Amino acid sequence: MAAARARDSRHEHRQTAGAIIKCGAAKRDMRISFTYPDVPPVEIPDSNLMAVLEPARIEPPKPVEQLADQALDHPVGAKPLEQQLSAGSRVLILVDDITRQTPAVRLLPAILKRLQAAGCSRKNIRILIAAGTHARMTREEVNKKLGPDTPNDYEVHLHHWRDEEKLREIGAAPDGTPIRVNRMLGEADFVIGVGQIVPHRVMGFTGGSTIVQPGVSGPEITGYTHWQSALFAGSEILGIADNPVRLEVEQIARQAGLRFIVNVVMDAEERVIHVVAGDPVAAHRLGARHSRTIYGVPQPRFADIVIAESYPADYDLWQAAKGIYSSELSVAQGGVVVLVTPCPHGVSDEHPEVEDLGYHGLDEVRKMVERKAVTDLVAAAHLVHVGRVIRDRARGIMVSPGIRPEVQRHLGFQCASTPQKALEKAFELVGRSAGVVVLRHGGDVLPLVTSTARPQGA
């Protein structure tokens, strides 16, 4: 199980899994650093600090390439690729985009080697970047993700969810919502998904079938699945593989033709610890179990104040909100969440509704949807996921140089220029005796509260 971690330059401490146990005098300050080098540390009174949580750091057992070969030699719930393909097979490889840390450049050679062993020619192998509802990647970003030679050697395409001409309908959701996916899936005999598995607010975990939905899907079905997730509390979805939304997504991916996955599980330093390959459901479940042992971190009680950095999700607030999602599992009712994030690309170019409308709780957003004040259900779900935390459950304070203070306030946050000033504001809101938890790698970490009792002094 992952261990809680603190960086203390003031006095000695020892730690257990999930909670810092202080040694020495009680009235000292703990200096906690952040992953972002430009963000100053925060000093938290020793008597207030409950824990500093982050994913585990584990020495990789083997290089990525060897782990990939091992997984492809022994796929879960499926035959090896060489036994499923032939010389004439048309293969489509779906790869997640630059907002994910998947080292595709190190995984693809192992996959392509298997395809070549099966006799597949390069002209029958295509790669599609599964960008979901994210912004389009630049050529430089594609080269970084795939390696500079891959776009020259193979046909590479970028999916964009609003590109109507490249979508085809393959069925409908239970409520009649059309399921449309990228046409390239229908042109392939065999579809492989490449991604990573970390806790995720909408799907429980990333990876597996999410490479299709939302990875290469159209707006209607993506809005449908995301809105469905908004109807559940974070504790019912985040870090739970067998949840209602994912089960629907897996059915959609099967229908779209996803046959095989290669997914990685990484540690806090983005080192690949596990590679799973095989059936999109069976292999994913194994990977999700591995992921939970790395990202799931015990927390002794709900905290009155949660300070969460968004790392590694910090491209824009659409991504950085993952730090808020993790906080939902950590903060007490009536508490405060401090989000620390750079957001160099602002709020969300792809979803301007977020900045226009701001964050609200479920009931208010549901009314917006009913009166069509917001028609993009993906954006609506995002508003709820954040609103549940900073409106319904707690209050929010933002520390972000990439988002103007007036925008932060319009979104529903109080604003602060440093984590220290944010902490002072939080103490003013909930009292000086408040219990504090810090989430480093807040975009990925999965707090696992072991007691529902109120924090001491609350």
Protein backbone atom coordinates (compact mmCIF):
# COMPACT_ATOMS: atom_id res chain seq x y z
CA MET A 1 0.00 0.00 0.00
CA ALA A 2 1.25 3.47 -0.80
CA ALA A 3 2.76 5.44 2.03
CA ALA A 4 2.00 8.97 3.10
CA ARG A 5 4.96 11.28 2.70
CA ALA A 6 6.06 14.62 4.10
CA ARG A 7 9.12 16.76 3.51
CA ASP A 8 10.09 18.44 6.74
CA SER A 9 12.97 20.88 7.07
CA ARG A 10 12.12 21.89 10.64
CA HIS A 11 12.26 18.78 12.79
CA GLU A 12 12.42 15.03 12.67
CA HIS A 13 9.34 12.93 12.10
CA ARG A 14 8.54 9.34 11.39
CA GLN A 15 5.64 8.11 9.30
CA THR A 16 3.29 5.19 8.82
CA ALA A 17 1.18 4.36 5.79
CA GLY A 18 -1.24 7.26 5.58
CA ALA A 19 -0.42 9.42 8.58
CA ILE A 20 2.53 11.44 9.81
CA ILE A 21 3.47 10.60 13.39
CA LYS A 22 5.27 13.57 14.95
CA CYS A 23 8.30 13.27 17.19
CA GLY A 24 9.57 15.90 19.59
CA ALA A 25 7.83 19.12 20.58
CA ALA A 26 4.22 19.46 19.53
CA LYS A 27 4.16 23.13 18.55
CA ARG A 28 6.38 23.11 15.47
CA ASP A 29 5.68 23.80 11.81
CA MET A 30 6.02 21.23 9.05
CA ARG A 31 7.37 22.60 5.76
CA ILE A 32 5.68 20.80 2.87
CA SER A 33 6.99 21.24 -0.66
CA PHE A 34 5.08 20.80 -3.91
CA THR A 35 6.01 19.08 -7.15
CA TYR A 36 5.92 22.43 -8.97
CA PRO A 37 9.36 24.08 -8.51
CA ASP A 38 7.94 27.61 -8.85
CA VAL A 39 5.41 27.10 -6.05
CA PRO A 40 6.71 28.00 -2.57
CA PRO A 41 6.28 25.44 0.21
CA VAL A 42 3.60 25.71 2.85
CA GLU A 43 4.26 25.59 6.59
CA ILE A 44 1.58 23.78 8.58
CA PRO A 45 1.46 23.63 12.38
CA ASP A 46 2.48 20.19 13.52
CA SER A 47 -0.64 19.91 15.67
CA ASN A 48 -2.88 20.47 12.61
CA LEU A 49 -1.16 18.28 10.04
CA MET A 50 -2.82 14.89 9.74
CA ALA A 51 -1.01 13.48 6.70
CA VAL A 52 0.73 14.16 3.42
CA LEU A 53 -0.49 11.69 0.84
CA GLU A 54 0.97 10.76 -2.52
CA PRO A 55 1.27 7.65 -4.70
CA ALA A 56 3.94 5.10 -3.92
CA ARG A 57 7.47 5.21 -5.24
CA ILE A 58 8.53 1.74 -6.36
CA GLU A 59 11.71 0.56 -8.01
CA PRO A 60 10.72 -0.72 -11.48
CA PRO A 61 11.30 -4.48 -11.73
CA LYS A 62 12.46 -4.27 -15.37
CA PRO A 63 12.80 -1.72 -18.18
CA VAL A 64 9.52 -0.74 -19.89
CA GLU A 65 10.42 -2.64 -23.05
CA GLN A 66 10.93 -5.89 -21.15
CA LEU A 67 7.70 -5.44 -19.18
CA ALA A 68 5.84 -4.86 -22.45
CA ASP A 69 7.33 -7.98 -24.05
CA GLN A 70 6.46 -10.02 -20.98
CA ALA A 71 2.85 -8.78 -21.02
CA LEU A 72 2.50 -9.44 -24.74
CA ASP A 73 3.93 -12.93 -24.29
CA HIS A 74 1.27 -13.69 -21.66
CA PRO A 75 -1.86 -11.64 -22.44
CA VAL A 76 -4.77 -11.74 -19.98
CA GLY A 77 -7.96 -13.30 -21.32
CA ALA A 78 -6.76 -13.31 -24.93
CA LYS A 79 -4.42 -15.08 -27.32
CA PRO A 80 -1.11 -13.41 -28.24
CA LEU A 81 -1.36 -10.91 -31.07
CA GLU A 82 0.62 -13.16 -33.40
CA GLN A 83 -2.12 -15.78 -33.11
CA GLN A 84 -4.96 -13.35 -33.79
CA LEU A 85 -3.58 -11.57 -36.83
CA SER A 86 -2.52 -12.51 -40.35
CA ALA A 87 -0.69 -10.90 -43.26
CA GLY A 88 -3.79 -9.16 -44.58
CA SER A 89 -5.08 -7.83 -41.24
CA ARG A 90 -5.81 -4.11 -41.10
CA VAL A 91 -4.78 -2.91 -37.64
CA LEU A 92 -5.66 0.34 -35.89
CA ILE A 93 -3.69 1.33 -32.79
CA LEU A 94 -5.38 3.86 -30.51
CA VAL A 95 -2.96 5.86 -28.34
CA ASP A 96 -3.93 8.30 -25.59
CA ASP A 97 -2.90 11.94 -25.98
CA ILE A 98 -0.30 14.29 -24.49
CA THR A 99 -2.38 14.94 -21.35
CA ARG A 100 -1.59 11.36 -20.28
CA GLN A 101 1.82 10.14 -19.17
CA THR A 102 1.73 6.83 -21.09
CA PRO A 103 5.21 6.28 -22.60
CA ALA A 104 3.84 5.25 -25.98
CA VAL A 105 7.20 5.87 -27.60
CA ARG A 106 8.59 2.96 -25.56
CA LEU A 107 5.56 0.67 -25.89
CA LEU A 108 4.89 0.90 -29.61
CA PRO A 109 8.08 -0.90 -30.74
CA ALA A 110 7.07 -4.03 -28.80
CA ILE A 111 3.57 -3.95 -30.29
CA LEU A 112 4.74 -3.24 -33.82
CA LYS A 113 7.26 -6.09 -33.57
CA ARG A 114 4.38 -8.50 -32.87
CA LEU A 115 2.36 -7.15 -35.77
CA GLN A 116 5.31 -7.61 -38.10
CA ALA A 117 5.79 -11.15 -36.79
CA ALA A 118 2.19 -11.86 -37.77
CA GLY A 119 2.92 -10.60 -41.28
CA CYS A 120 1.09 -7.26 -41.04
CA SER A 121 2.52 -4.75 -43.48
CA ARG A 122 3.18 -1.13 -42.50
CA LYS A 123 0.60 0.11 -44.99
CA ASN A 124 -2.08 -1.85 -43.10
CA ILE A 125 -1.15 -0.39 -39.70
CA ARG A 126 -2.56 3.00 -38.71
CA ILE A 127 -2.29 4.97 -35.47
CA LEU A 128 -5.05 7.22 -34.13
CA ILE A 129 -4.44 9.63 -31.24
CA ALA A 130 -7.43 9.22 -28.91
CA ALA A 131 -7.80 12.77 -27.61
CA GLY A 132 -11.26 12.51 -26.09
CA THR A 133 -12.60 16.05 -25.69
CA HIS A 134 -9.14 17.59 -25.32
CA ALA A 135 -7.45 20.18 -27.53
CA ARG A 136 -5.72 19.09 -30.72
CA MET A 137 -2.08 18.13 -30.31
CA THR A 138 0.65 19.96 -32.19
CA ARG A 139 3.14 18.16 -34.44
CA GLU A 140 5.78 18.59 -31.74
CA GLU A 141 3.48 16.97 -29.17
CA VAL A 142 2.75 14.07 -31.54
CA ASN A 143 6.47 13.49 -32.03
CA LYS A 144 7.02 13.60 -28.28
CA LYS A 145 4.25 11.09 -27.70
CA LEU A 146 5.03 8.62 -30.49
CA GLY A 147 8.66 9.37 -31.30
CA PRO A 148 9.80 11.45 -34.30
CA ASP A 149 10.16 8.45 -36.63
CA THR A 150 6.72 6.94 -36.12
CA PRO A 151 4.73 9.58 -38.08
CA ASN A 152 7.14 9.04 -40.97
CA ASP A 153 6.92 5.27 -40.88
CA TYR A 154 3.18 4.88 -40.18
CA GLU A 155 -0.04 6.68 -41.01
CA VAL A 156 -0.89 8.78 -37.93
CA HIS A 157 -4.21 10.57 -37.38
CA LEU A 158 -5.62 12.79 -34.62
CA HIS A 159 -9.19 12.32 -33.42
CA HIS A 160 -11.28 15.38 -32.67
CA TRP A 161 -14.64 14.81 -31.05
CA ARG A 162 -16.43 17.55 -33.02
CA ASP A 163 -15.17 16.48 -36.46
CA GLU A 164 -18.54 15.27 -37.76
CA GLU A 165 -17.26 13.95 -41.10
CA LYS A 166 -15.00 11.44 -39.35
CA LEU A 167 -17.69 9.90 -37.14
CA ARG A 168 -19.94 6.92 -37.82
CA GLU A 169 -22.93 5.69 -35.85
CA ILE A 170 -22.78 2.16 -34.48
CA GLY A 171 -25.83 2.03 -32.21
CA ALA A 172 -27.52 3.83 -29.35
CA ALA A 173 -27.31 4.12 -25.57
CA PRO A 174 -30.25 2.93 -23.41
CA ASP A 175 -31.88 6.38 -23.60
CA GLY A 176 -31.53 6.54 -27.40
CA THR A 177 -28.38 8.69 -27.49
CA PRO A 178 -26.54 7.83 -30.72
CA ILE A 179 -23.18 6.12 -30.30
CA ARG A 180 -20.81 7.60 -32.83
CA VAL A 181 -17.10 6.77 -33.03
CA ASN A 182 -14.28 7.58 -35.39
CA ARG A 183 -14.79 5.97 -38.79
CA MET A 184 -11.33 4.46 -38.73
CA LEU A 185 -12.48 1.83 -36.23
CA GLY A 186 -14.91 0.44 -38.77
CA GLU A 187 -12.16 0.30 -41.39
CA ALA A 188 -9.94 -1.92 -39.24
CA ASP A 189 -10.04 -5.67 -38.69
CA PHE A 190 -8.36 -5.40 -35.32
CA VAL A 191 -8.24 -2.48 -32.86
CA ILE A 192 -5.60 -2.16 -30.12
CA GLY A 193 -5.73 0.40 -27.30
CA VAL A 194 -2.60 1.83 -25.64
CA GLY A 195 -2.92 3.82 -22.41
CA GLN A 196 -2.32 4.09 -18.67
CA ILE A 197 -4.41 3.12 -15.64
CA VAL A 198 -4.89 5.68 -12.87
CA PRO A 199 -7.94 6.54 -10.71
CA HIS A 200 -10.49 8.62 -12.65
CA ARG A 201 -13.64 10.46 -11.56
CA VAL A 202 -15.75 9.61 -14.61
CA MET A 203 -14.69 6.03 -15.37
CA GLY A 204 -13.33 4.80 -12.03
CA PHE A 205 -9.94 4.27 -13.67
CA THR A 206 -8.47 5.41 -16.96
CA GLY A 207 -7.26 2.84 -19.47
CA GLY A 208 -8.99 -0.12 -21.05
CA SER A 209 -12.14 0.79 -22.92
CA THR A 210 -11.84 4.53 -22.22
CA ILE A 211 -9.50 4.67 -25.21
CA VAL A 212 -12.72 4.35 -27.28
CA GLN A 213 -15.21 6.21 -25.07
CA PRO A 214 -14.43 9.03 -24.76
CA GLY A 215 -11.09 8.61 -26.57
CA VAL A 216 -12.37 8.39 -30.16
CA SER A 217 -16.08 9.08 -29.75
CA GLY A 218 -18.47 11.84 -30.77
CA PRO A 219 -20.06 14.50 -28.56
CA GLU A 220 -23.44 12.88 -27.89
CA ILE A 221 -22.28 9.61 -26.38
CA THR A 222 -19.40 11.29 -24.55
CA GLY A 223 -21.87 13.73 -23.04
CA TYR A 224 -24.14 10.84 -22.09
CA THR A 225 -21.50 8.82 -20.21
CA HIS A 226 -20.03 11.85 -18.48
CA TRP A 227 -23.45 13.07 -17.35
CA GLN A 228 -24.22 9.61 -16.01
CA SER A 229 -21.10 9.81 -13.87
CA ALA A 230 -22.20 13.18 -12.49
CA LEU A 231 -25.25 11.51 -10.95
CA PHE A 232 -22.97 9.50 -8.63
CA ALA A 233 -20.84 10.77 -5.76
CA GLY A 234 -17.09 10.51 -6.22
CA SER A 235 -16.94 7.74 -3.61
CA GLU A 236 -19.13 5.60 -5.88
CA ILE A 237 -16.94 5.97 -8.97
CA LEU A 238 -13.39 7.15 -8.29
CA GLY A 239 -11.01 4.22 -7.88
CA ILE A 240 -13.74 1.62 -8.46
CA ALA A 241 -13.34 -0.40 -11.68
CA ASP A 242 -16.70 -2.15 -11.67
CA ASN A 243 -18.96 0.89 -11.67
CA PRO A 244 -22.10 1.47 -13.78
CA VAL A 245 -20.51 4.03 -16.09
CA ARG A 246 -17.47 1.93 -16.95
CA LEU A 247 -19.63 -1.14 -17.58
CA GLU A 248 -21.57 0.84 -20.21
CA VAL A 249 -18.35 2.19 -21.70
CA GLU A 250 -16.94 -1.33 -22.01
CA GLN A 251 -20.03 -2.43 -23.90
CA ILE A 252 -19.61 0.54 -26.27
CA ALA A 253 -15.94 -0.27 -26.85
CA ARG A 254 -16.72 -3.92 -27.66
CA GLN A 255 -19.36 -2.76 -30.11
CA ALA A 256 -16.87 -0.37 -31.70
CA GLY A 257 -14.35 -3.17 -32.23
CA LEU A 258 -11.76 -2.82 -29.45
CA ARG A 259 -10.11 -6.22 -29.21
CA PHE A 260 -6.88 -5.82 -27.29
CA ILE A 261 -5.18 -3.38 -24.89
CA VAL A 262 -1.67 -2.62 -23.73
CA ASN A 263 -1.81 -0.48 -20.56
CA VAL A 264 0.80 0.69 -18.09
CA VAL A 265 0.65 1.37 -14.37
CA MET A 266 3.21 3.91 -13.16
CA ASP A 267 4.40 5.16 -9.79
CA ALA A 268 4.67 8.68 -8.37
CA GLU A 269 7.77 9.34 -10.48
CA GLU A 270 6.06 8.17 -13.69
CA ARG A 271 8.15 5.00 -13.82
CA VAL A 272 6.38 2.02 -15.36
CA ILE A 273 5.88 -0.65 -12.70
CA HIS A 274 3.40 -2.92 -14.50
CA VAL A 275 2.32 -3.51 -18.08
CA VAL A 276 -0.88 -5.44 -18.72
CA ALA A 277 -2.01 -6.69 -22.12
CA GLY A 278 -4.90 -8.68 -23.50
CA ASP A 279 -8.69 -8.56 -23.29
CA PRO A 280 -9.93 -4.96 -22.78
CA VAL A 281 -11.87 -5.91 -19.64
CA ALA A 282 -9.88 -8.76 -18.09
CA ALA A 283 -6.50 -7.11 -18.57
CA HIS A 284 -7.83 -3.79 -17.37
CA ARG A 285 -9.15 -5.28 -14.13
CA LEU A 286 -5.73 -6.70 -13.36
CA GLY A 287 -4.17 -3.31 -14.08
CA ALA A 288 -6.75 -1.53 -11.92
CA ARG A 289 -5.82 -3.75 -8.98
CA HIS A 290 -2.17 -2.87 -9.48
CA SER A 291 -3.06 0.81 -9.82
CA ARG A 292 -5.05 0.89 -6.60
CA THR A 293 -2.10 -0.49 -4.63
CA ILE A 294 0.08 2.36 -5.92
CA TYR A 295 -2.36 5.29 -5.91
CA GLY A 296 -4.62 4.28 -3.03
CA VAL A 297 -3.30 5.89 0.16
CA PRO A 298 -4.81 5.44 3.64
CA GLN A 299 -6.02 8.61 5.36
CA PRO A 300 -6.94 8.34 9.05
CA ARG A 301 -10.02 10.62 9.02
CA PHE A 302 -11.74 13.20 6.85
CA ALA A 303 -9.86 16.50 6.98
CA ASP A 304 -11.24 19.99 7.55
CA ILE A 305 -8.69 21.40 5.11
CA VAL A 306 -7.28 19.61 2.08
CA ILE A 307 -4.42 21.21 0.12
CA ALA A 308 -4.20 19.46 -3.24
CA GLU A 309 -1.72 20.08 -6.02
CA SER A 310 -3.07 19.02 -9.39
CA TYR A 311 0.14 17.38 -10.65
CA PRO A 312 0.43 15.69 -13.13
CA ALA A 313 -2.86 17.10 -14.48
CA ASP A 314 -2.03 20.75 -15.03
CA TYR A 315 -2.42 21.62 -18.74
CA ASP A 316 -5.56 23.64 -17.98
CA LEU A 317 -8.24 23.68 -15.30
CA TRP A 318 -10.21 21.01 -17.17
CA GLN A 319 -7.32 18.68 -16.37
CA ALA A 320 -6.27 20.25 -13.06
CA ALA A 321 -9.73 19.67 -11.61
CA LYS A 322 -8.58 16.11 -10.97
CA GLY A 323 -6.98 17.50 -7.82
CA ILE A 324 -10.46 18.58 -6.74
CA TYR A 325 -11.91 15.15 -7.55
CA SER A 326 -9.38 13.44 -5.27
CA SER A 327 -10.19 15.97 -2.57
CA GLU A 328 -13.83 14.88 -2.54
CA LEU A 329 -12.69 11.61 -0.96
CA SER A 330 -10.52 13.45 1.58
CA VAL A 331 -12.36 16.55 2.83
CA ALA A 332 -14.96 16.67 5.59
CA GLN A 333 -18.42 18.12 5.03
CA GLY A 334 -18.16 21.87 5.51
CA GLY A 335 -14.40 21.88 5.00
CA VAL A 336 -12.10 23.71 2.60
CA VAL A 337 -10.19 22.50 -0.47
CA VAL A 338 -7.15 24.44 -1.67
CA LEU A 339 -6.19 23.69 -5.29
CA VAL A 340 -2.59 24.44 -6.24
CA THR A 341 -2.07 24.36 -10.01
CA PRO A 342 -0.22 26.31 -12.73
CA CYS A 343 -2.85 25.96 -15.54
CA PRO A 344 -0.70 27.59 -18.26
CA HIS A 345 -3.56 27.15 -20.75
CA GLY A 346 -6.23 28.73 -18.58
CA VAL A 347 -9.61 27.14 -17.90
CA SER A 348 -10.58 25.19 -21.05
CA ASP A 349 -10.49 26.24 -24.68
CA GLU A 350 -12.47 23.16 -25.70
CA HIS A 351 -15.20 23.78 -23.11
CA PRO A 352 -15.79 27.56 -22.81
CA GLU A 353 -19.00 26.88 -20.86
CA VAL A 354 -16.91 26.20 -17.77
CA GLU A 355 -15.51 29.71 -17.60
CA ASP A 356 -18.82 31.25 -18.69
CA LEU A 357 -21.02 29.49 -16.14
CA GLY A 358 -18.73 28.68 -13.22
CA TYR A 359 -19.04 25.71 -10.91
CA HIS A 360 -22.33 24.75 -9.27
CA GLY A 361 -23.81 21.84 -7.38
CA LEU A 362 -25.75 18.97 -8.97
CA ASP A 363 -29.25 20.42 -8.52
CA GLU A 364 -28.38 23.76 -10.08
CA VAL A 365 -26.51 22.24 -13.03
CA ARG A 366 -29.35 19.79 -13.61
CA LYS A 367 -31.70 22.79 -13.94
CA MET A 368 -29.25 24.40 -16.38
CA VAL A 369 -29.31 21.25 -18.48
CA GLU A 370 -33.12 21.07 -18.40
CA ARG A 371 -33.51 24.67 -19.59
CA LYS A 372 -30.62 24.16 -22.05
CA ALA A 373 -28.45 26.87 -20.50
CA VAL A 374 -25.70 24.31 -21.07
CA THR A 375 -26.02 21.79 -23.92
CA ASP A 376 -22.56 20.22 -23.75
CA LEU A 377 -23.17 17.43 -21.23
CA VAL A 378 -19.45 16.77 -20.94
CA ALA A 379 -19.02 20.32 -19.65
CA ALA A 380 -22.12 19.96 -17.49
CA ALA A 381 -20.69 16.85 -15.84
CA HIS A 382 -17.42 18.66 -15.20
CA LEU A 383 -19.31 21.53 -13.54
CA VAL A 384 -21.01 19.03 -11.23
CA HIS A 385 -17.85 17.07 -10.42
CA VAL A 386 -16.13 20.22 -9.18
CA GLY A 387 -19.31 21.82 -7.82
CA ARG A 388 -20.03 18.79 -5.65
CA VAL A 389 -16.78 19.53 -3.83
CA ILE A 390 -16.48 23.34 -3.66
CA ARG A 391 -20.21 24.08 -3.49
CA ASP A 392 -22.09 21.14 -1.98
CA ARG A 393 -19.47 19.55 0.28
CA ALA A 394 -16.86 22.19 1.02
CA ARG A 395 -15.48 25.54 -0.13
CA GLY A 396 -12.67 26.13 -2.58
CA ILE A 397 -9.55 28.32 -2.65
CA MET A 398 -7.33 28.42 -5.74
CA VAL A 399 -3.62 29.14 -6.10
CA SER A 400 -2.98 29.43 -9.85
CA PRO A 401 -0.83 31.88 -11.80
CA GLY A 402 -2.48 30.75 -15.04
CA ILE A 403 -6.00 31.88 -14.15
CA ARG A 404 -6.82 35.51 -13.35
CA PRO A 405 -8.19 36.19 -9.84
CA GLU A 406 -11.47 37.56 -11.19
CA VAL A 407 -11.96 34.36 -13.20
CA GLN A 408 -11.20 32.23 -10.14
CA ARG A 409 -13.85 34.10 -8.15
CA HIS A 410 -16.39 33.78 -10.99
CA LEU A 411 -15.75 30.04 -11.09
CA GLY A 412 -16.64 29.79 -7.41
CA PHE A 413 -13.22 29.86 -5.72
CA GLN A 414 -11.63 32.28 -3.35
CA CYS A 415 -8.14 33.11 -4.57
CA ALA A 416 -4.71 33.31 -2.96
CA SER A 417 -1.27 34.08 -4.35
CA THR A 418 0.57 31.36 -2.38
CA PRO A 419 -0.32 28.11 -0.61
CA GLN A 420 0.59 29.76 2.71
CA LYS A 421 -1.90 32.57 2.19
CA ALA A 422 -4.49 30.04 1.09
CA LEU A 423 -3.96 28.06 4.29
CA GLU A 424 -4.46 31.21 6.37
CA LYS A 425 -7.75 31.86 4.57
CA ALA A 426 -8.79 28.26 5.18
CA PHE A 427 -8.05 28.56 8.91
CA GLU A 428 -10.20 31.70 8.99
CA LEU A 429 -13.07 29.74 7.45
CA VAL A 430 -12.97 26.58 9.59
CA GLY A 431 -10.96 27.50 12.66
CA ARG A 432 -7.40 27.19 13.93
CA SER A 433 -7.87 23.67 15.25
CA ALA A 434 -8.69 22.27 11.79
CA GLY A 435 -7.10 19.01 10.68
CA VAL A 436 -5.09 19.41 7.45
CA VAL A 437 -4.21 16.86 4.75
CA VAL A 438 -1.92 17.61 1.82
CA LEU A 439 -2.36 15.71 -1.46
CA ARG A 440 0.83 15.67 -3.49
CA HIS A 441 0.27 14.30 -7.02
CA GLY A 442 -3.35 15.22 -6.35
CA GLY A 443 -4.33 14.56 -9.95
CA ASP A 444 -3.76 10.83 -9.40
CA VAL A 445 -3.74 10.04 -5.68
CA LEU A 446 -6.68 8.10 -4.25
CA PRO A 447 -7.35 8.96 -0.57
CA LEU A 448 -8.78 6.01 1.34
CA VAL A 449 -10.33 7.29 4.56
CA THR A 450 -10.14 4.59 7.20
CA SER A 451 -12.43 6.25 9.77
CA THR A 452 -15.49 8.46 9.34
CA ALA A 453 -14.89 10.15 12.69
CA ARG A 454 -14.40 13.89 12.67
CA PRO A 455 -10.79 15.15 12.83
CA GLN A 456 -9.46 15.88 16.29
CA GLY A 457 -10.29 19.40 17.42
CA ALA A 458 -13.06 19.80 14.82
